[in-house]
Amino acid sequence: MNFSSGIVRDNRCELVSYNSGSGTQYYAAGGGIAAEAASTLNMSGDAAVLNNFSHEIGGGISIGSNQWGAGNIFNMTGGTIDGNTAGAAGGGLFIQAKYFQGGISKAYISSGKITNNTMSGTGVTNDDFGGGGIYVNGANNLYGVNGANGELYLKNVLITDNTAKLQGAGLAACPIAKTKMYVNDGGAIYGNHTQIAGKDFYLLSDPVRGLHGGIPEYKLSKRMLGGVPYRWTKSDGTLLEDDKYEGKLTMGTSLSLYADSAGNAFTQSLAKVIISGNTSATRGGGIGSNGTVTIGVEDEETQVTVQKKWKDNENAEHTRPAAITIKLIANDDKVVEMRELNEANNWQTTFSDLPTQADGEAIHYSIQEEKIEGYTSAVEGNAADGFVLTNTVVPSEPLTPLAPPTRDLHVTKQWHDDKGQTIVAPTDAIQVELYRNGASTGQMVELNAANNWSVTFKDLPVYEAVAHPVDYDYTVKEVGTTDKDTIKIADNWYHVAITGTMKDGYTIVNSACPPNKPNVPHEPNVPHEPNVPHEPKKPNEPNGNVPSKKLPKTGMMHISLMNGTLLIALGIGVLAGIARYINKESLSI
């Protein structure tokens, strides 16, 4: 039967019982569709099986029935099985086992939705691993039944948000189950709900269950669909040991696990089969199984190694981070996993157990790392040989010190005559030099008629540095000014005066010096009258015994006359000298 469109909905399969003498048999299979007697059902496209009911098995669809018979096949490549209910097993879909001379029923599901179905636990047949979404039945060889498990094959499946009252809300398998999970085109089982252990996966070994008793076999994948690590965790919160991912349970034991992770965007993009929102009154909210369940395809796995190298002079500048985060990327833009590299793991890691294909297409892996401040990054290598990430430090630039604030200093030039009146500038231009704290800065400006004898020194730092905010004292000086504040311009002398402040600006005033006046000679001194000589004293008369030494009077007069004559001559000479001096000075004027 090919079922690609249309809806099978709101049908009911009520309980039928029959007492054959060896016991009562109960029959109710396939609330919506029952495929038996070597039937093949192909479901695809927009086909839908909705809101049907079976008192016992296969609320939506039953592949096989309560009686043994020839094997049946169910192929699902599309469509929806939603809102159906079974009382004992397989709320959405039931897959029967082989008994006696019958055959094995098998289901191959690669696309479609099995959602919101229920195993209510209201039936009269066994419901221990009821399967809200799907149930796969199994049988052993006890009692000569020649039993064999029914088989379910799932590819690219997402099993999440299912609920069970007991264990295994995602997938629960009982004693003779064979459960295998592969990472290629595999499944993602996480985020399922139960109030006791084994939220996502439960496996029980129990020999005392008649045709269903035995030791289960299992193989778990370490990664889910798209390569995200499962991190299978036991009830005590510890990770499942590596050597426990595959094998057989010992008699009377169980394995309760949950995935300590969740699918990501890559998982969602690959998922083509959705098993979600289903509920079981016992175990197996998404899938209950006593048969054989295979998720994914057995194919080659791969690994990717990553090594980090640093080029930073052995971290000389202490810029290397304590750890960095790398991303394993699939098909250019899908994040598979993120890891931390640090000294503890020697800056290297290996991503193992990776899928090599998704839905028949090869997966290509690459590496990215989160940006590291102060480093450049280069990636070398490939997925097959491994990647080398090299980070090279970027030389640090010296910090730019904070610039101090600046100010402008305005300078104006004025020209005055010797009476303070404004005059026309006697020159085309002058130079003004800037001084800071009394020392020349070497910075000069020109004042001239073109700039209206006014100019501004711009952007002068107020102080040396922000750390030393002591204000500079700026002054100006006209180039050529002498120590006496005078300056010679065009053969004339000018007095230079500077007024103003740094805030208001400076004004340089050049005032003409007045002309020099001639020196007036002093009046000559009037010579003193010559002293009149005193009359000589009359000599004592000699006594009689001593001869007289008195000179003749003629000689004394001669000396006196000579003295007078010399004094007169000297006076005439002085008068003549004065006369010559006066005459000479008059001529020089």
Protein backbone atom coordinates (compact mmCIF):
# COMPACT_ATOMS: atom_id res chain seq x y z
CA MET A 1 0.00 0.00 0.00
CA ASN A 2 1.31 3.44 -0.92
CA PHE A 3 0.07 6.22 1.29
CA SER A 4 1.40 9.62 0.20
CA SER A 5 -1.51 11.94 0.92
CA GLY A 6 -4.77 12.02 2.76
CA ILE A 7 -5.69 11.47 6.38
CA VAL A 8 -6.70 8.40 8.37
CA ARG A 9 -8.30 9.77 11.50
CA ASP A 10 -10.60 9.19 14.46
CA ASN A 11 -10.90 5.43 14.11
CA ARG A 12 -11.15 2.86 16.90
CA CYS A 13 -10.08 -0.76 17.28
CA GLU A 14 -11.90 -2.28 20.22
CA LEU A 15 -10.84 -5.35 22.22
CA VAL A 16 -11.72 -8.80 20.96
CA SER A 17 -11.06 -11.86 23.13
CA TYR A 18 -11.06 -15.58 22.28
CA ASN A 19 -10.67 -18.57 24.51
CA SER A 20 -8.97 -21.36 22.62
CA GLY A 21 -9.04 -23.77 25.52
CA SER A 22 -5.39 -23.11 26.38
CA GLY A 23 -6.12 -19.59 27.54
CA THR A 24 -7.81 -16.43 26.55
CA GLN A 25 -6.36 -14.51 23.64
CA TYR A 26 -6.88 -10.76 23.25
CA TYR A 27 -6.93 -8.92 19.95
CA ALA A 28 -6.92 -5.23 19.14
CA ALA A 29 -4.32 -3.87 16.68
CA GLY A 30 -4.08 -0.86 14.40
CA GLY A 31 -6.52 1.86 15.37
CA GLY A 32 -5.91 3.63 12.09
CA ILE A 33 -4.10 1.07 9.88
CA ALA A 34 -3.20 -2.61 10.42
CA ALA A 35 -0.71 -4.20 7.99
CA GLU A 36 -0.42 -8.00 8.17
CA ALA A 37 -0.11 -11.14 6.07
CA ALA A 38 3.14 -10.01 4.38
CA SER A 39 1.93 -6.48 3.74
CA THR A 40 4.08 -3.51 2.80
CA LEU A 41 2.99 -0.03 3.76
CA ASN A 42 4.82 2.92 2.18
CA MET A 43 4.01 6.21 3.88
CA SER A 44 5.29 9.46 2.45
CA GLY A 45 4.50 13.03 1.50
CA ASP A 46 1.57 14.59 3.34
CA ALA A 47 -0.04 11.37 4.50
CA ALA A 48 -1.38 11.60 8.04
CA VAL A 49 -2.66 9.16 10.66
CA LEU A 50 -4.39 11.20 13.33
CA ASN A 51 -6.28 10.62 16.57
CA ASN A 52 -6.98 6.92 16.20
CA PHE A 53 -7.40 4.40 19.05
CA SER A 54 -6.54 0.76 19.66
CA HIS A 55 -7.49 -0.99 22.85
CA GLU A 56 -4.17 -2.89 22.87
CA ILE A 57 -1.43 -2.27 20.27
CA GLY A 58 -0.71 0.18 17.45
CA GLY A 59 -2.96 3.12 18.19
CA GLY A 60 -2.13 4.70 14.85
CA ILE A 61 -0.51 1.92 12.78
CA SER A 62 0.22 -1.75 13.58
CA ILE A 63 2.78 -3.60 11.46
CA GLY A 64 1.61 -7.13 12.27
CA SER A 65 -1.09 -7.95 14.76
CA ASN A 66 -1.68 -9.87 17.97
CA GLN A 67 -1.43 -13.15 16.04
CA TRP A 68 1.71 -14.60 14.55
CA GLY A 69 1.97 -14.53 10.81
CA ALA A 70 4.09 -13.53 7.86
CA GLY A 71 6.45 -10.64 8.20
CA ASN A 72 5.39 -7.14 7.16
CA ILE A 73 7.28 -4.05 6.02
CA PHE A 74 6.71 -0.39 6.85
CA ASN A 75 8.61 2.30 4.96
CA MET A 76 8.18 5.86 6.14
CA THR A 77 9.81 8.64 4.16
CA GLY A 78 7.34 11.33 5.09
CA GLY A 79 3.98 12.05 6.62
CA THR A 80 2.73 12.36 10.18
CA ILE A 81 1.53 9.94 12.89
CA ASP A 82 0.05 12.17 15.59
CA GLY A 83 -2.38 12.07 18.49
CA ASN A 84 -3.06 8.35 18.48
CA THR A 85 -3.56 6.13 21.57
CA ALA A 86 -2.93 2.46 22.39
CA GLY A 87 -3.86 0.74 25.64
CA ALA A 88 -0.79 -1.54 25.93
CA ALA A 89 1.97 -0.89 23.35
CA GLY A 90 2.84 1.46 20.53
CA GLY A 91 0.67 4.54 20.88
CA GLY A 92 1.66 5.72 17.42
CA LEU A 93 3.29 2.66 15.78
CA PHE A 94 3.61 -1.03 16.71
CA ILE A 95 6.12 -3.45 15.06
CA GLN A 96 5.50 -7.15 15.67
CA ALA A 97 8.09 -9.91 16.36
CA LYS A 98 8.35 -13.39 14.77
CA TYR A 99 6.64 -16.38 16.32
CA PHE A 100 6.61 -19.98 15.15
CA GLN A 101 6.57 -20.16 11.36
CA GLY A 102 5.78 -16.52 10.91
CA GLY A 103 8.07 -13.77 9.78
CA ILE A 104 9.72 -10.69 11.24
CA SER A 105 8.00 -7.35 10.79
CA LYS A 106 10.32 -4.48 10.03
CA ALA A 107 10.08 -0.68 9.88
CA TYR A 108 12.41 1.66 8.03
CA ILE A 109 11.89 5.30 8.93
CA SER A 110 14.02 8.02 7.32
CA SER A 111 11.65 10.98 7.40
CA GLY A 112 8.39 12.04 9.00
CA LYS A 113 6.86 12.90 12.34
CA ILE A 114 5.69 10.61 15.13
CA THR A 115 4.34 13.04 17.69
CA ASN A 116 1.91 13.41 20.59
CA ASN A 117 0.89 9.77 20.74
CA THR A 118 0.05 7.93 23.98
CA MET A 119 0.35 4.50 25.53
CA SER A 120 -2.31 4.78 28.20
CA GLY A 121 -1.74 1.53 30.12
CA THR A 122 -5.47 0.72 29.97
CA GLY A 123 -5.07 -2.45 27.89
CA VAL A 124 -5.11 -6.01 29.16
CA THR A 125 -1.88 -7.19 27.51
CA ASN A 126 1.68 -6.49 28.63
CA ASP A 127 2.55 -2.78 28.79
CA ASP A 128 5.82 -2.80 30.79
CA PHE A 129 7.80 -1.09 27.98
CA GLY A 130 4.75 0.33 26.32
CA GLY A 131 6.22 2.90 23.89
CA GLY A 132 4.24 6.12 23.64
CA GLY A 133 5.50 6.82 20.13
CA ILE A 134 6.75 3.42 18.89
CA TYR A 135 6.94 -0.08 20.31
CA VAL A 136 9.12 -2.88 18.82
CA ASN A 137 8.16 -6.35 20.00
CA GLY A 138 10.62 -9.23 20.48
CA ALA A 139 10.63 -12.94 21.27
CA ASN A 140 13.14 -15.55 22.37
CA ASN A 141 13.27 -19.28 21.64
CA LEU A 142 11.72 -20.48 24.86
CA TYR A 143 8.81 -22.86 24.76
CA GLY A 144 9.52 -23.74 21.15
CA VAL A 145 8.08 -20.54 19.74
CA ASN A 146 11.05 -20.07 17.37
CA GLY A 147 10.92 -16.35 18.14
CA ALA A 148 12.85 -13.43 16.69
CA ASN A 149 12.76 -9.73 17.30
CA GLY A 150 10.87 -7.22 15.27
CA GLU A 151 13.19 -4.63 13.76
CA LEU A 152 13.19 -0.84 13.61
CA TYR A 153 15.70 1.16 11.57
CA LEU A 154 15.88 4.90 12.12
CA LYS A 155 18.02 7.45 10.34
CA ASN A 156 18.56 11.12 11.19
CA VAL A 157 16.16 10.97 14.11
CA LEU A 158 15.54 13.45 16.89
CA ILE A 159 13.99 11.91 20.03
CA THR A 160 13.21 14.67 22.51
CA ASP A 161 10.55 16.05 24.84
CA ASN A 162 8.85 12.71 25.40
CA THR A 163 7.51 11.64 28.81
CA ALA A 164 7.35 8.35 30.72
CA LYS A 165 5.94 7.58 34.15
CA LEU A 166 8.82 5.18 34.77
CA GLN A 167 12.28 4.90 33.20
CA GLY A 168 13.44 5.61 29.70
CA ALA A 169 11.36 8.55 28.56
CA GLY A 170 13.45 8.71 25.40
CA LEU A 171 14.10 5.01 24.72
CA ALA A 172 13.52 2.05 27.02
CA ALA A 173 14.62 -1.50 26.10
CA CYS A 174 13.82 -4.69 27.95
CA PRO A 175 15.75 -7.96 28.36
CA ILE A 176 15.95 -9.48 24.90
CA ALA A 177 16.34 -6.15 23.13
CA LYS A 178 19.21 -5.41 20.84
CA THR A 179 19.89 -1.67 20.63
CA LYS A 180 22.54 -0.12 18.42
CA MET A 181 23.34 3.55 17.90
CA TYR A 182 25.72 4.83 15.23
CA VAL A 183 26.85 8.39 14.71
CA ASN A 184 26.55 8.48 10.92
CA ASP A 185 22.99 9.44 9.95
CA GLY A 186 22.30 8.71 13.61
CA GLY A 187 20.04 10.07 16.27
CA ALA A 188 19.86 12.64 19.01
CA ILE A 189 18.20 11.54 22.25
CA TYR A 190 18.02 14.25 24.90
CA GLY A 191 15.64 16.43 26.86
CA ASN A 192 13.09 13.73 27.71
CA HIS A 193 11.13 13.69 30.96
CA THR A 194 10.63 11.23 33.80
CA GLN A 195 10.58 11.56 37.57
CA ILE A 196 12.97 8.67 38.13
CA ALA A 197 16.28 7.52 36.69
CA GLY A 198 17.07 7.07 33.03
CA LYS A 199 15.36 10.05 31.48
CA ASP A 200 16.81 9.46 28.03
CA PHE A 201 17.88 5.79 27.92
CA TYR A 202 17.01 2.74 30.00
CA LEU A 203 18.10 -0.86 29.58
CA LEU A 204 16.99 -3.79 31.74
CA SER A 205 18.41 -7.32 32.09
CA ASP A 206 15.83 -9.73 33.53
CA PRO A 207 15.68 -13.50 32.90
CA VAL A 208 12.27 -13.98 34.50
CA ARG A 209 10.00 -12.57 31.82
CA GLY A 210 9.00 -15.60 29.84
CA LEU A 211 9.25 -15.06 26.08
CA HIS A 212 10.69 -11.63 26.80
CA GLY A 213 13.32 -12.59 29.34
CA GLY A 214 17.04 -12.53 28.67
CA ILE A 215 20.19 -10.41 28.56
CA PRO A 216 20.06 -7.29 26.37
CA GLU A 217 22.82 -6.25 24.00
CA TYR A 218 23.64 -2.65 23.27
CA LYS A 219 26.01 -0.24 21.56
CA LEU A 220 25.83 3.46 22.30
CA SER A 221 27.36 6.21 20.22
CA LYS A 222 29.42 8.88 21.96
CA ARG A 223 28.06 11.55 19.69
CA MET A 224 24.57 12.37 18.60
CA LEU A 225 23.28 13.41 15.21
CA GLY A 226 25.57 16.14 13.87
CA GLY A 227 28.47 15.18 16.16
CA VAL A 228 27.47 16.83 19.44
CA PRO A 229 28.88 14.80 22.38
CA TYR A 230 26.19 12.90 24.27
CA ARG A 231 28.04 12.91 27.58
CA TRP A 232 25.99 9.91 28.73
CA THR A 233 25.62 10.30 32.49
CA LYS A 234 24.57 7.73 35.07
CA SER A 235 22.02 8.18 37.82
CA ASP A 236 24.72 9.10 40.31
CA GLY A 237 25.85 12.00 38.15
CA THR A 238 29.06 10.40 36.90
CA LEU A 239 29.90 9.96 33.25
CA LEU A 240 29.49 6.55 31.69
CA GLU A 241 32.88 4.83 31.51
CA ASP A 242 34.36 4.39 28.05
CA ASP A 243 34.32 0.62 28.33
CA LYS A 244 30.58 0.62 29.05
CA TYR A 245 29.43 2.08 25.74
CA GLU A 246 29.03 -1.35 24.23
CA GLY A 247 28.31 -4.86 25.53
CA LYS A 248 25.77 -6.94 27.43
CA LEU A 249 24.30 -6.27 30.80
CA THR A 250 24.90 -8.85 33.49
CA MET A 251 21.90 -10.70 34.74
CA GLY A 252 19.56 -8.70 36.94
CA THR A 253 21.15 -5.29 36.29
CA SER A 254 20.03 -2.16 34.49
CA LEU A 255 21.52 0.89 32.85
CA SER A 256 19.88 4.27 33.38
CA LEU A 257 21.33 7.23 31.50
CA TYR A 258 20.63 10.78 30.51
CA ALA A 259 22.41 12.93 27.96
CA ASP A 260 24.19 15.80 29.67
CA SER A 261 24.02 17.86 26.52
CA ALA A 262 21.59 18.91 23.82
CA GLY A 263 21.48 19.06 20.08
CA ASN A 264 22.52 22.24 18.36
CA ALA A 265 21.64 24.01 15.12
CA PHE A 266 23.50 21.37 13.10
CA THR A 267 21.49 18.64 14.83
CA GLN A 268 18.23 20.38 14.04
CA SER A 269 19.20 20.92 10.43
CA LEU A 270 19.98 17.21 9.95
CA ALA A 271 16.98 15.79 11.78
CA LYS A 272 14.41 14.36 9.35
CA VAL A 273 12.55 12.06 11.71
CA ILE A 274 10.95 13.74 14.71
CA ILE A 275 9.77 11.62 17.65
CA SER A 276 8.52 14.11 20.20
CA GLY A 277 5.69 14.87 22.59
CA ASN A 278 4.78 11.22 23.10
CA THR A 279 3.76 9.76 26.48
CA SER A 280 3.91 6.33 28.11
CA ALA A 281 2.12 5.26 31.27
CA THR A 282 5.07 2.98 31.96
CA ARG A 283 8.40 3.13 30.12
CA GLY A 284 9.57 4.27 26.71
CA GLY A 285 7.92 7.61 26.17
CA GLY A 286 9.44 7.97 22.72
CA ILE A 287 10.33 4.34 21.93
CA GLY A 288 9.71 1.15 23.91
CA SER A 289 11.46 -1.95 22.73
CA ASN A 290 11.85 -5.64 23.36
CA GLY A 291 13.08 -6.05 19.82
CA THR A 292 15.91 -4.74 17.70
CA VAL A 293 16.39 -0.99 17.24
CA THR A 294 19.15 0.40 15.03
CA ILE A 295 19.72 4.16 14.91
CA GLY A 296 22.02 5.45 12.18
CA VAL A 297 24.23 3.49 9.83
CA GLU A 298 27.38 1.59 10.60
CA ASP A 299 30.08 3.48 8.74
CA GLU A 300 33.55 4.87 9.18
CA GLU A 301 34.13 7.44 11.91
CA THR A 302 36.90 10.02 12.00
CA GLN A 303 38.84 12.27 14.34
CA VAL A 304 40.30 15.78 14.12
CA THR A 305 43.39 16.85 16.08
CA VAL A 306 44.14 20.46 16.95
CA GLN A 307 47.39 21.93 18.27
CA LYS A 308 47.95 25.47 19.44
CA LYS A 309 51.26 27.29 18.95
CA TRP A 310 52.26 30.67 20.34
CA LYS A 311 54.65 33.19 18.88
CA ASP A 312 54.97 35.69 21.69
CA ASN A 313 58.57 35.37 22.89
CA GLU A 314 57.56 32.92 25.61
CA ASN A 315 54.83 35.27 26.77
CA ALA A 316 57.40 37.97 27.50
CA GLU A 317 54.77 40.70 27.71
CA HIS A 318 52.37 38.53 29.75
CA THR A 319 49.65 38.91 27.13
CA ARG A 320 48.89 35.23 26.58
CA PRO A 321 45.46 34.20 27.92
CA ALA A 322 45.15 31.34 30.38
CA ALA A 323 42.88 29.50 27.97
CA ILE A 324 41.36 29.85 24.52
CA THR A 325 38.18 28.43 22.99
CA ILE A 326 38.16 26.61 19.68
CA LYS A 327 35.23 25.46 17.57
CA LEU A 328 34.95 22.34 15.45
CA ILE A 329 33.02 23.37 12.36
CA ALA A 330 31.17 21.08 9.96
CA ASN A 331 30.44 22.05 6.36
CA ASP A 332 31.82 25.59 6.73
CA ASP A 333 29.30 27.04 9.18
CA LYS A 334 27.82 24.41 11.51
CA VAL A 335 29.29 24.31 15.01
CA VAL A 336 29.79 20.73 16.18
CA GLU A 337 31.63 21.26 19.46
CA MET A 338 33.54 23.88 21.42
CA ARG A 339 36.55 23.10 23.57
CA GLU A 340 39.05 24.93 25.75
CA LEU A 341 42.79 24.70 25.20
CA ASN A 342 45.17 25.56 28.03
CA GLU A 343 48.45 24.58 29.61
CA ALA A 344 46.80 21.67 31.42
CA ASN A 345 46.03 19.92 28.13
CA ASN A 346 49.26 21.16 26.56
CA TRP A 347 47.31 23.42 24.22
CA GLN A 348 46.06 20.51 22.14
CA THR A 349 43.04 18.23 21.78
CA THR A 350 41.50 15.53 19.59
CA PHE A 351 37.85 15.43 18.53
CA SER A 352 37.14 11.69 18.25
CA ASP A 353 34.22 9.51 17.13
CA LEU A 354 33.03 12.03 14.54
CA PRO A 355 30.55 11.21 11.79
CA THR A 356 31.87 11.21 8.25
CA GLN A 357 28.52 11.60 6.52
CA ALA A 358 25.11 13.15 6.94
CA ASP A 359 22.20 11.90 4.86
CA GLY A 360 24.62 10.35 2.39
CA GLU A 361 26.77 13.47 1.98
CA ALA A 362 30.36 13.73 3.26
CA ILE A 363 30.98 16.05 6.19
CA HIS A 364 33.92 18.46 5.87
CA TYR A 365 35.53 19.68 9.09
CA SER A 366 37.42 22.87 9.86
CA ILE A 367 38.57 24.76 12.96
CA GLN A 368 37.85 28.25 14.23
CA GLU A 369 38.97 29.99 17.39
CA GLU A 370 37.49 32.86 19.26
CA LYS A 371 39.40 36.09 18.71
CA ILE A 372 42.30 36.65 21.09
CA GLU A 373 42.97 40.28 21.84
CA GLY A 374 46.48 41.33 20.95
CA TYR A 375 47.20 38.34 18.70
CA THR A 376 46.81 37.43 15.07
CA SER A 377 45.66 33.93 14.19
CA ALA A 378 46.62 31.55 11.40
CA VAL A 379 45.25 28.06 10.72
CA GLU A 380 47.25 25.42 8.89
CA GLY A 381 46.52 21.78 8.08
CA ASN A 382 43.37 19.81 7.36
CA ALA A 383 40.95 17.42 9.02
CA ALA A 384 42.83 14.31 7.93
CA ASP A 385 46.28 15.42 9.09
CA GLY A 386 45.25 17.74 11.91
CA PHE A 387 45.14 21.49 12.33
CA VAL A 388 47.76 23.82 13.79
CA LEU A 389 46.57 27.15 15.15
CA THR A 390 49.34 29.71 15.47
CA ASN A 391 48.82 32.91 17.42
CA THR A 392 51.36 35.69 16.95
CA VAL A 393 51.48 38.55 19.38
CA VAL A 394 50.92 42.01 17.98
CA PRO A 395 53.62 44.36 19.34
CA SER A 396 52.01 46.68 21.80
CA GLU A 397 52.05 50.34 20.93
CA PRO A 398 53.29 52.72 23.60
CA LEU A 399 50.53 54.48 25.40
CA THR A 400 49.97 57.99 24.19
CA PRO A 401 50.21 60.27 27.21
CA LEU A 402 47.33 62.59 27.86
CA ALA A 403 48.02 65.89 26.18
CA PRO A 404 47.86 68.94 28.43
CA PRO A 405 45.33 71.65 27.61
CA THR A 406 46.40 74.47 25.30
CA ARG A 407 45.94 78.20 25.07
CA ASP A 408 46.36 80.91 22.45
CA LEU A 409 48.44 84.02 23.03
CA HIS A 410 47.51 87.17 21.11
CA VAL A 411 50.15 89.85 20.29
CA THR A 412 49.46 93.34 18.91
CA LYS A 413 51.93 96.02 17.72
CA GLN A 414 51.49 99.80 18.03
CA TRP A 415 53.66 102.69 16.80
CA HIS A 416 53.84 106.04 18.63
CA ASP A 417 55.86 109.24 18.25
CA ASP A 418 57.73 110.75 21.18
CA LYS A 419 54.53 112.43 22.35
CA GLY A 420 52.43 109.20 22.39
CA GLN A 421 50.58 109.85 19.12
CA THR A 422 49.98 106.99 16.68
CA ILE A 423 52.26 107.13 13.68
CA VAL A 424 52.76 105.18 10.47
CA ALA A 425 54.99 102.19 10.98
CA PRO A 426 58.57 103.04 9.99
CA THR A 427 59.20 99.48 8.75
CA ASP A 428 57.42 96.76 6.75
CA ALA A 429 57.57 94.10 9.45
CA ILE A 430 58.98 93.13 12.80
CA GLN A 431 59.70 89.75 14.41
CA VAL A 432 58.34 88.77 17.82
CA GLU A 433 59.79 85.84 19.75
CA LEU A 434 57.92 83.70 22.27
CA TYR A 435 59.44 83.03 25.70
CA ARG A 436 58.36 80.37 28.19
CA ASN A 437 59.29 80.75 31.82
CA GLY A 438 61.82 83.37 30.73
CA ALA A 439 63.60 81.15 28.17
CA SER A 440 63.34 81.47 24.44
CA THR A 441 61.22 78.86 22.70
CA GLY A 442 62.73 79.66 19.31
CA GLN A 443 59.20 80.25 18.03
CA MET A 444 58.80 83.51 16.15
CA VAL A 445 56.02 85.27 14.31
CA GLU A 446 56.02 88.23 11.96
CA LEU A 447 53.81 91.26 12.49
CA ASN A 448 53.20 93.50 9.51
CA ALA A 449 50.64 95.66 7.80
CA ALA A 450 49.14 92.63 6.01
CA ASN A 451 48.14 91.03 9.33
CA ASN A 452 47.22 94.43 10.77
CA TRP A 453 50.21 94.24 13.10
CA SER A 454 48.45 91.52 15.06
CA VAL A 455 49.11 87.79 15.32
CA THR A 456 48.35 84.83 17.62
CA PHE A 457 50.58 82.08 18.92
CA LYS A 458 48.20 79.08 18.79
CA ASP A 459 47.88 75.83 20.74
CA LEU A 460 50.49 76.56 23.38
CA PRO A 461 50.53 73.90 26.13
CA VAL A 462 49.29 75.29 29.40
CA TYR A 463 51.73 73.08 31.30
CA GLU A 464 54.27 70.36 30.66
CA ALA A 465 52.17 67.26 31.41
CA VAL A 466 48.93 66.24 33.05
CA ALA A 467 50.95 64.61 35.80
CA HIS A 468 52.65 67.95 36.54
CA PRO A 469 49.99 70.63 36.04
CA VAL A 470 52.14 73.69 36.79
CA ASP A 471 51.22 76.51 34.39
CA TYR A 472 53.84 77.92 32.05
CA ASP A 473 54.47 81.68 32.03
CA TYR A 474 54.50 82.91 28.44
CA THR A 475 55.98 86.29 27.47
CA VAL A 476 57.08 87.89 24.20
CA LYS A 477 59.96 90.05 23.06
CA GLU A 478 60.48 92.07 19.91
CA VAL A 479 63.52 90.74 18.14
CA GLY A 480 66.35 93.32 18.28
CA THR A 481 65.33 94.92 21.57
CA THR A 482 68.31 95.98 23.70
CA ASP A 483 68.71 95.42 27.40
CA LYS A 484 67.60 99.05 27.86
CA ASP A 485 64.26 98.26 26.12
CA THR A 486 65.20 100.25 23.04
CA ILE A 487 65.40 99.23 19.41
CA LYS A 488 66.91 100.92 16.35
CA ILE A 489 64.69 100.96 13.26
CA ALA A 490 65.63 102.86 10.09
CA ASP A 491 68.44 104.75 11.91
CA ASN A 492 66.05 105.95 14.59
CA TRP A 493 65.75 104.75 18.13
CA TYR A 494 62.47 103.62 19.73
CA HIS A 495 61.55 102.78 23.27
CA VAL A 496 59.87 99.32 23.54
CA ALA A 497 57.12 98.82 26.11
CA ILE A 498 55.05 95.62 26.54
CA THR A 499 51.72 95.61 28.37
CA GLY A 500 48.96 93.02 28.93
CA THR A 501 48.64 89.44 30.23
CA MET A 502 48.69 85.91 28.86
CA LYS A 503 44.90 85.79 29.16
CA ASP A 504 44.18 89.14 27.49
CA GLY A 505 47.16 89.17 25.17
CA TYR A 506 50.22 91.40 24.91
CA THR A 507 50.60 94.80 23.25
CA ILE A 508 54.06 95.91 22.11
CA VAL A 509 54.34 99.70 21.83
CA ASN A 510 57.31 101.29 20.04
CA SER A 511 57.61 104.98 20.92
CA ALA A 512 60.10 107.26 19.11
CA CYS A 513 62.89 108.59 21.29
CA PRO A 514 63.12 112.51 21.40
CA PRO A 515 66.17 114.16 19.58
CA ASN A 516 69.32 114.98 21.64
CA LYS A 517 69.82 118.73 22.74
CA PRO A 518 73.40 120.38 22.49
CA ASN A 519 75.27 120.86 25.75
CA VAL A 520 75.50 124.56 26.92
CA PRO A 521 79.11 125.52 28.12
CA HIS A 522 79.60 126.80 31.61
CA GLU A 523 80.58 130.48 32.25
CA PRO A 524 84.41 130.81 32.73
CA ASN A 525 85.65 131.45 36.21
CA VAL A 526 86.71 135.11 36.93
CA PRO A 527 90.38 135.08 38.01
CA HIS A 528 91.15 136.26 41.48
CA GLU A 529 93.01 139.56 42.08
CA PRO A 530 96.67 138.93 42.81
CA ASN A 531 97.63 139.24 46.44
CA VAL A 532 99.33 142.54 47.37
CA PRO A 533 102.63 141.72 49.06
CA HIS A 534 103.08 142.76 52.65
CA GLU A 535 105.51 145.42 53.58
CA PRO A 536 108.68 143.80 54.76
CA LYS A 537 109.41 144.09 58.43
CA LYS A 538 111.98 146.54 59.48
CA PRO A 539 115.10 144.69 60.41
CA ASN A 540 116.56 144.94 63.86
CA GLU A 541 119.44 147.29 64.29
CA PRO A 542 122.69 145.49 64.67
CA ASN A 543 124.64 145.95 67.85
CA GLY A 544 127.97 147.38 67.82
CA ASN A 545 129.96 144.21 67.73
CA VAL A 546 128.24 142.47 64.70
CA PRO A 547 128.58 143.84 61.21
CA SER A 548 125.29 144.70 59.51
CA LYS A 549 123.81 142.15 56.90
CA LYS A 550 121.02 144.43 55.59
CA LEU A 551 120.58 144.31 51.81
CA PRO A 552 120.24 147.38 49.77
CA LYS A 553 116.63 148.56 49.28
CA THR A 554 117.00 148.51 45.52
CA GLY A 555 117.18 144.72 45.44
CA MET A 556 113.95 144.16 47.40
CA MET A 557 111.96 146.41 45.15
CA HIS A 558 113.19 144.61 42.09
CA ILE A 559 111.92 141.25 43.45
CA SER A 560 108.54 142.68 44.31
CA LEU A 561 108.14 144.16 40.87
CA MET A 562 109.04 140.88 39.30
CA ASN A 563 106.42 139.04 41.35
CA GLY A 564 103.70 141.48 40.31
CA THR A 565 104.69 141.32 36.71
CA LEU A 566 104.36 137.47 36.73
CA LEU A 567 100.91 137.55 38.27
CA ILE A 568 99.65 140.05 35.69
CA ALA A 569 101.02 137.93 32.87
CA LEU A 570 99.36 134.85 34.28
CA GLY A 571 95.96 136.57 34.46
CA ILE A 572 96.21 137.82 30.89
CA GLY A 573 96.99 134.22 29.75
CA VAL A 574 93.93 132.78 31.49
CA LEU A 575 91.68 135.42 29.91
CA ALA A 576 93.09 134.70 26.52
CA GLY A 577 92.42 130.90 26.95
CA ILE A 578 88.83 131.48 27.96
CA ALA A 579 88.30 133.72 24.98
CA ARG A 580 89.61 131.04 22.62
CA TYR A 581 87.34 128.33 24.19
CA ILE A 582 84.23 130.50 23.84
CA ASN A 583 85.09 131.30 20.26
CA LYS A 584 85.64 127.54 19.47
CA GLU A 585 82.34 126.42 21.02
CA SER A 586 80.46 129.14 19.17
CA LEU A 587 81.91 127.90 15.90
CA SER A 588 80.93 124.25 16.62
CA ILE A 589 77.27 125.27 17.08
